[in-house]
């Protein structure tokens, strides 16, 4: 469905973008979120333990592989976007994990239909090109943001951090393509070259 998404353009001024994103959160009243983003990364919220020592919600305990899968998606799909744009792409993945119509793991969502050439959900996973990380600075940044997203998926104590339709999006595509499915969804906003959408469920 999202195989139309091309690899994002490189070269954005990422330092300025991070400051801009912090200012955007502050303007929206999310001072705590901006402080966390610019400062130390928060820890994931405590996980309740059920019978036999099983976690009540395994999704609360992201694994190293989950972070790597999320970071790969941010790197190959959105490394040329602003910090806010990268986080929005990451939220699409996390929102799909919560949706019963998609795989229930981050790696499952990112690599869904990866075996089908140019028919997967995220184009880098099935475009036939090797997933080589050439920009180590960008890779370090997206891994940091992936960790931040996983730790803050519930809001990091900042009420309303992910409030609003944009952060609930389940789809996106680049502005230079026009996939047919876009007309059936509700557009929630645009950040950089990406348009975001929400798939309403009955």
C-alpha atoms as a PDB file:
ATOM      1  CA  UNK A   1       0.000   0.000   0.000  1.00  0.00           C
ATOM      2  CA  UNK A   2       2.793   2.380   0.842  1.00  0.00           C
ATOM      3  CA  UNK A   3       5.242   1.000  -1.693  1.00  0.00           C
ATOM      4  CA  UNK A   4       4.906   4.287  -3.586  1.00  0.00           C
ATOM      5  CA  UNK A   5       6.926   6.094  -0.950  1.00  0.00           C
ATOM      6  CA  UNK A   6      10.369   6.897  -2.282  1.00  0.00           C
ATOM      7  CA  UNK A   7      13.521   7.269  -0.290  1.00  0.00           C
ATOM      8  CA  UNK A   8      13.492  10.711   1.328  1.00  0.00           C
ATOM      9  CA  UNK A   9      15.822  13.425   0.092  1.00  0.00           C
ATOM     10  CA  UNK A  10      19.050  13.949   2.024  1.00  0.00           C
ATOM     11  CA  UNK A  11      20.706  17.105   3.249  1.00  0.00           C
ATOM     12  CA  UNK A  12      18.166  18.798   5.585  1.00  0.00           C
ATOM     13  CA  UNK A  13      19.578  21.063   8.263  1.00  0.00           C
ATOM     14  CA  UNK A  14      18.935  18.646  11.091  1.00  0.00           C
ATOM     15  CA  UNK A  15      20.321  20.728  13.944  1.00  0.00           C
ATOM     16  CA  UNK A  16      18.002  23.629  13.126  1.00  0.00           C
ATOM     17  CA  UNK A  17      15.138  21.192  12.640  1.00  0.00           C
ATOM     18  CA  UNK A  18      15.554  19.811  16.147  1.00  0.00           C
ATOM     19  CA  UNK A  19      15.390  23.309  17.608  1.00  0.00           C
ATOM     20  CA  UNK A  20      12.346  24.093  15.485  1.00  0.00           C
ATOM     21  CA  UNK A  21      10.587  20.947  16.679  1.00  0.00           C
ATOM     22  CA  UNK A  22      11.307  21.852  20.287  1.00  0.00           C
ATOM     23  CA  UNK A  23       9.881  25.305  19.683  1.00  0.00           C
ATOM     24  CA  UNK A  24       6.807  23.802  18.047  1.00  0.00           C
ATOM     25  CA  UNK A  25       6.118  21.639  21.089  1.00  0.00           C
ATOM     26  CA  UNK A  26       6.620  24.591  23.396  1.00  0.00           C
ATOM     27  CA  UNK A  27       4.209  26.684  21.380  1.00  0.00           C
ATOM     28  CA  UNK A  28       1.662  23.915  21.682  1.00  0.00           C
ATOM     29  CA  UNK A  29       2.064  23.833  25.447  1.00  0.00           C
ATOM     30  CA  UNK A  30       4.232  20.711  25.587  1.00  0.00           C
ATOM     31  CA  UNK A  31       7.174  22.178  27.499  1.00  0.00           C
ATOM     32  CA  UNK A  32       7.920  18.868  29.197  1.00  0.00           C
ATOM     33  CA  UNK A  33       8.124  17.040  25.877  1.00  0.00           C
ATOM     34  CA  UNK A  34      10.461  19.629  24.391  1.00  0.00           C
ATOM     35  CA  UNK A  35      12.695  19.424  27.467  1.00  0.00           C
ATOM     36  CA  UNK A  36      12.895  15.633  27.169  1.00  0.00           C
ATOM     37  CA  UNK A  37      13.603  15.762  23.464  1.00  0.00           C
ATOM     38  CA  UNK A  38      16.486  18.198  23.838  1.00  0.00           C
ATOM     39  CA  UNK A  39      17.795  16.640  27.056  1.00  0.00           C
ATOM     40  CA  UNK A  40      18.160  13.123  28.493  1.00  0.00           C
ATOM     41  CA  UNK A  41      16.035  10.433  26.910  1.00  0.00           C
ATOM     42  CA  UNK A  42      13.203   9.210  29.157  1.00  0.00           C
ATOM     43  CA  UNK A  43      12.852   5.649  30.354  1.00  0.00           C
ATOM     44  CA  UNK A  44       9.931   3.478  29.182  1.00  0.00           C
ATOM     45  CA  UNK A  45       7.040   3.439  31.625  1.00  0.00           C
ATOM     46  CA  UNK A  46       6.901   0.499  34.083  1.00  0.00           C
ATOM     47  CA  UNK A  47       5.325  -2.692  32.790  1.00  0.00           C
ATOM     48  CA  UNK A  48       2.798  -4.609  34.846  1.00  0.00           C
ATOM     49  CA  UNK A  49       3.536  -8.289  35.340  1.00  0.00           C
ATOM     50  CA  UNK A  50       0.810 -10.878  35.100  1.00  0.00           C
ATOM     51  CA  UNK A  51       0.576 -14.549  36.092  1.00  0.00           C
ATOM     52  CA  UNK A  52       3.677 -16.706  35.675  1.00  0.00           C
ATOM     53  CA  UNK A  53       5.786 -13.581  35.361  1.00  0.00           C
ATOM     54  CA  UNK A  54       4.423 -12.688  31.931  1.00  0.00           C
ATOM     55  CA  UNK A  55       4.219  -9.052  30.948  1.00  0.00           C
ATOM     56  CA  UNK A  56       0.656  -7.802  30.770  1.00  0.00           C
ATOM     57  CA  UNK A  57       1.547  -5.868  27.625  1.00  0.00           C
ATOM     58  CA  UNK A  58       4.648  -7.041  25.799  1.00  0.00           C
ATOM     59  CA  UNK A  59       4.506  -3.990  23.522  1.00  0.00           C
ATOM     60  CA  UNK A  60       5.611  -1.906  26.507  1.00  0.00           C
ATOM     61  CA  UNK A  61       9.002  -3.624  26.439  1.00  0.00           C
ATOM     62  CA  UNK A  62      10.563  -2.747  23.079  1.00  0.00           C
ATOM     63  CA  UNK A  63      13.462  -4.982  22.165  1.00  0.00           C
ATOM     64  CA  UNK A  64      16.737  -3.931  20.615  1.00  0.00           C
ATOM     65  CA  UNK A  65      15.561  -5.362  17.302  1.00  0.00           C
ATOM     66  CA  UNK A  66      12.381  -3.264  17.505  1.00  0.00           C
ATOM     67  CA  UNK A  67      14.447  -0.121  17.883  1.00  0.00           C
ATOM     68  CA  UNK A  68      16.682  -1.127  14.983  1.00  0.00           C
ATOM     69  CA  UNK A  69      13.676  -1.802  12.735  1.00  0.00           C
ATOM     70  CA  UNK A  70      12.161   1.548  13.643  1.00  0.00           C
ATOM     71  CA  UNK A  71      15.476   3.322  13.110  1.00  0.00           C
ATOM     72  CA  UNK A  72      15.883   1.707   9.680  1.00  0.00           C
ATOM     73  CA  UNK A  73      12.467   2.935   8.641  1.00  0.00           C
ATOM     74  CA  UNK A  74      13.264   6.465   9.799  1.00  0.00           C
ATOM     75  CA  UNK A  75      16.641   6.406   8.072  1.00  0.00           C
ATOM     76  CA  UNK A  76      15.585   5.052   4.689  1.00  0.00           C
ATOM     77  CA  UNK A  77      12.155   6.692   4.557  1.00  0.00           C
ATOM     78  CA  UNK A  78      12.698  10.042   6.240  1.00  0.00           C
ATOM     79  CA  UNK A  79      16.315  10.918   6.961  1.00  0.00           C
ATOM     80  CA  UNK A  80      15.992  14.046   4.791  1.00  0.00           C
ATOM     81  CA  UNK A  81      12.985  15.258   6.791  1.00  0.00           C
ATOM     82  CA  UNK A  82      12.947  17.479   9.864  1.00  0.00           C
ATOM     83  CA  UNK A  83      12.963  15.972  13.348  1.00  0.00           C
ATOM     84  CA  UNK A  84       9.203  16.456  13.547  1.00  0.00           C
ATOM     85  CA  UNK A  85       8.755  14.785  10.160  1.00  0.00           C
ATOM     86  CA  UNK A  86      10.794  11.781  11.254  1.00  0.00           C
ATOM     87  CA  UNK A  87       8.808  11.430  14.461  1.00  0.00           C
ATOM     88  CA  UNK A  88       5.563  11.571  12.486  1.00  0.00           C
ATOM     89  CA  UNK A  89       6.737   8.688  10.287  1.00  0.00           C
ATOM     90  CA  UNK A  90       7.679   6.777  13.418  1.00  0.00           C
ATOM     91  CA  UNK A  91       4.239   7.372  14.880  1.00  0.00           C
ATOM     92  CA  UNK A  92       2.632   5.847  11.786  1.00  0.00           C
ATOM     93  CA  UNK A  93       4.537   2.649  12.502  1.00  0.00           C
ATOM     94  CA  UNK A  94       3.618   2.631  16.193  1.00  0.00           C
ATOM     95  CA  UNK A  95      -0.029   3.356  15.394  1.00  0.00           C
ATOM     96  CA  UNK A  96      -0.098   0.369  13.050  1.00  0.00           C
ATOM     97  CA  UNK A  97       1.311  -1.884  15.740  1.00  0.00           C
ATOM     98  CA  UNK A  98      -1.743  -1.026  17.858  1.00  0.00           C
ATOM     99  CA  UNK A  99      -4.144  -1.660  14.951  1.00  0.00           C
ATOM    100  CA  UNK A 100      -5.395  -5.241  14.671  1.00  0.00           C
ATOM    101  CA  UNK A 101      -5.341  -4.990  10.875  1.00  0.00           C
ATOM    102  CA  UNK A 102      -1.519  -4.875  10.857  1.00  0.00           C
ATOM    103  CA  UNK A 103       1.259  -6.974  12.410  1.00  0.00           C
ATOM    104  CA  UNK A 104       1.546  -6.511  16.174  1.00  0.00           C
ATOM    105  CA  UNK A 105       5.285  -5.893  16.265  1.00  0.00           C
ATOM    106  CA  UNK A 106       7.383  -3.000  15.012  1.00  0.00           C
ATOM    107  CA  UNK A 107       9.568  -5.179  12.791  1.00  0.00           C
ATOM    108  CA  UNK A 108       6.453  -6.912  11.483  1.00  0.00           C
ATOM    109  CA  UNK A 109       4.929  -3.588  10.463  1.00  0.00           C
ATOM    110  CA  UNK A 110       8.121  -2.207   8.914  1.00  0.00           C
ATOM    111  CA  UNK A 111       8.819  -5.333   6.855  1.00  0.00           C
ATOM    112  CA  UNK A 112       5.261  -6.364   6.033  1.00  0.00           C
ATOM    113  CA  UNK A 113       5.191  -7.893   2.511  1.00  0.00           C
ATOM    114  CA  UNK A 114       8.931  -7.273   2.146  1.00  0.00           C
ATOM    115  CA  UNK A 115       9.153 -10.428   0.043  1.00  0.00           C
ATOM    116  CA  UNK A 116       6.975  -8.811  -2.654  1.00  0.00           C
ATOM    117  CA  UNK A 117       9.015  -6.578  -4.956  1.00  0.00           C
ATOM    118  CA  UNK A 118       7.683  -2.997  -4.849  1.00  0.00           C
ATOM    119  CA  UNK A 119       4.511  -4.139  -3.085  1.00  0.00           C
ATOM    120  CA  UNK A 120       5.504  -3.742   0.548  1.00  0.00           C
ATOM    121  CA  UNK A 121       4.345  -1.114   3.022  1.00  0.00           C
ATOM    122  CA  UNK A 122       7.615   0.827   3.189  1.00  0.00           C
ATOM    123  CA  UNK A 123       9.453   1.040  -0.104  1.00  0.00           C
ATOM    124  CA  UNK A 124      12.997   0.549   1.200  1.00  0.00           C
ATOM    125  CA  UNK A 125      12.049  -2.948   2.388  1.00  0.00           C
ATOM    126  CA  UNK A 126      11.291  -4.287  -1.095  1.00  0.00           C
ATOM    127  CA  UNK A 127      12.984  -2.034  -3.643  1.00  0.00           C
ATOM    128  CA  UNK A 128      15.755  -4.548  -4.282  1.00  0.00           C
ATOM    129  CA  UNK A 129      18.487  -2.183  -3.073  1.00  0.00           C
ATOM    130  CA  UNK A 130      20.849  -3.136  -0.247  1.00  0.00           C
ATOM    131  CA  UNK A 131      20.017  -1.401   3.026  1.00  0.00           C
ATOM    132  CA  UNK A 132      23.423   0.144   3.538  1.00  0.00           C
ATOM    133  CA  UNK A 133      23.853   2.986   6.021  1.00  0.00           C
ATOM    134  CA  UNK A 134      26.199   5.470   4.386  1.00  0.00           C
ATOM    135  CA  UNK A 135      25.495   8.514   6.556  1.00  0.00           C
ATOM    136  CA  UNK A 136      26.610   7.655  10.082  1.00  0.00           C
ATOM    137  CA  UNK A 137      25.570  11.034  11.498  1.00  0.00           C
ATOM    138  CA  UNK A 138      22.018  10.589  10.230  1.00  0.00           C
ATOM    139  CA  UNK A 139      21.963   7.003  11.479  1.00  0.00           C
ATOM    140  CA  UNK A 140      22.966   8.115  14.967  1.00  0.00           C
ATOM    141  CA  UNK A 141      20.209  10.749  14.947  1.00  0.00           C
ATOM    142  CA  UNK A 142      17.438   8.411  13.807  1.00  0.00           C
ATOM    143  CA  UNK A 143      18.456   5.743  16.331  1.00  0.00           C
ATOM    144  CA  UNK A 144      18.179   8.373  19.053  1.00  0.00           C
ATOM    145  CA  UNK A 145      14.751   9.394  17.803  1.00  0.00           C
ATOM    146  CA  UNK A 146      13.639   5.790  17.534  1.00  0.00           C
ATOM    147  CA  UNK A 147      14.599   5.263  21.170  1.00  0.00           C
ATOM    148  CA  UNK A 148      12.764   8.450  22.118  1.00  0.00           C
ATOM    149  CA  UNK A 149       9.632   7.342  20.271  1.00  0.00           C
ATOM    150  CA  UNK A 150       9.622   3.956  21.961  1.00  0.00           C
ATOM    151  CA  UNK A 151      10.135   5.460  25.394  1.00  0.00           C
ATOM    152  CA  UNK A 152       7.512   8.144  24.810  1.00  0.00           C
ATOM    153  CA  UNK A 153       4.852   6.133  23.013  1.00  0.00           C
ATOM    154  CA  UNK A 154       2.508   6.730  25.957  1.00  0.00           C
ATOM    155  CA  UNK A 155       3.387  10.398  26.332  1.00  0.00           C
ATOM    156  CA  UNK A 156       6.335  10.482  28.734  1.00  0.00           C
ATOM    157  CA  UNK A 157       4.189  12.022  31.419  1.00  0.00           C
ATOM    158  CA  UNK A 158       3.265  14.960  29.188  1.00  0.00           C
ATOM    159  CA  UNK A 159      -0.505  14.971  28.923  1.00  0.00           C
ATOM    160  CA  UNK A 160      -1.631  15.305  25.352  1.00  0.00           C
ATOM    161  CA  UNK A 161       1.817  14.898  23.805  1.00  0.00           C
ATOM    162  CA  UNK A 162       0.399  12.763  20.993  1.00  0.00           C
ATOM    163  CA  UNK A 163      -2.996  14.448  20.924  1.00  0.00           C
ATOM    164  CA  UNK A 164      -4.331  15.455  17.527  1.00  0.00           C
ATOM    165  CA  UNK A 165      -5.072  13.617  14.275  1.00  0.00           C
ATOM    166  CA  UNK A 166      -1.572  14.006  12.810  1.00  0.00           C
ATOM    167  CA  UNK A 167      -0.019  11.848  15.529  1.00  0.00           C
ATOM    168  CA  UNK A 168      -2.744   9.217  15.075  1.00  0.00           C
ATOM    169  CA  UNK A 169      -1.955   8.734  11.365  1.00  0.00           C
ATOM    170  CA  UNK A 170      -1.706   5.228   9.942  1.00  0.00           C
ATOM    171  CA  UNK A 171      -0.557   6.114   6.406  1.00  0.00           C
ATOM    172  CA  UNK A 172       1.618   8.597   4.564  1.00  0.00           C
ATOM    173  CA  UNK A 173       3.086   9.132   1.131  1.00  0.00           C
ATOM    174  CA  UNK A 174       5.477  11.525  -0.561  1.00  0.00           C
ATOM    175  CA  UNK A 175       3.992  14.620  -2.167  1.00  0.00           C
ATOM    176  CA  UNK A 176       5.326  13.689  -5.596  1.00  0.00           C
ATOM    177  CA  UNK A 177       3.062  10.626  -5.946  1.00  0.00           C
ATOM    178  CA  UNK A 178      -0.728  10.201  -5.857  1.00  0.00           C
ATOM    179  CA  UNK A 179      -1.675   6.707  -4.634  1.00  0.00           C
ATOM    180  CA  UNK A 180      -5.281   5.697  -5.157  1.00  0.00           C
ATOM    181  CA  UNK A 181      -5.825   4.804  -1.493  1.00  0.00           C
ATOM    182  CA  UNK A 182      -5.266   8.399  -0.391  1.00  0.00           C
ATOM    183  CA  UNK A 183      -8.751   9.428  -1.563  1.00  0.00           C
ATOM    184  CA  UNK A 184     -10.329   6.905   0.775  1.00  0.00           C
ATOM    185  CA  UNK A 185      -8.583   8.193   3.895  1.00  0.00           C
ATOM    186  CA  UNK A 186      -8.723  11.345   5.989  1.00  0.00           C
ATOM    187  CA  UNK A 187      -5.713  13.589   5.492  1.00  0.00           C
ATOM    188  CA  UNK A 188      -4.306  14.674   8.841  1.00  0.00           C
ATOM    189  CA  UNK A 189      -1.541  17.007   7.745  1.00  0.00           C
ATOM    190  CA  UNK A 190       1.725  17.473   5.879  1.00  0.00           C
ATOM    191  CA  UNK A 191       5.279  17.742   7.150  1.00  0.00           C
ATOM    192  CA  UNK A 192       7.987  18.360   4.593  1.00  0.00           C
ATOM    193  CA  UNK A 193       7.464  16.090   1.594  1.00  0.00           C
ATOM    194  CA  UNK A 194       5.133  13.677   3.402  1.00  0.00           C
ATOM    195  CA  UNK A 195       1.343  13.801   3.547  1.00  0.00           C
ATOM    196  CA  UNK A 196      -0.242  11.915   6.433  1.00  0.00           C
ATOM    197  CA  UNK A 197      -3.581  10.116   6.652  1.00  0.00           C
ATOM    198  CA  UNK A 198      -5.820   8.390   9.142  1.00  0.00           C
ATOM    199  CA  UNK A 199      -7.733   5.238   8.293  1.00  0.00           C
ATOM    200  CA  UNK A 200     -11.048   5.435  10.142  1.00  0.00           C
ATOM    201  CA  UNK A 201     -12.253   2.181  11.630  1.00  0.00           C
ATOM    202  CA  UNK A 202     -15.910   1.346  12.159  1.00  0.00           C
END
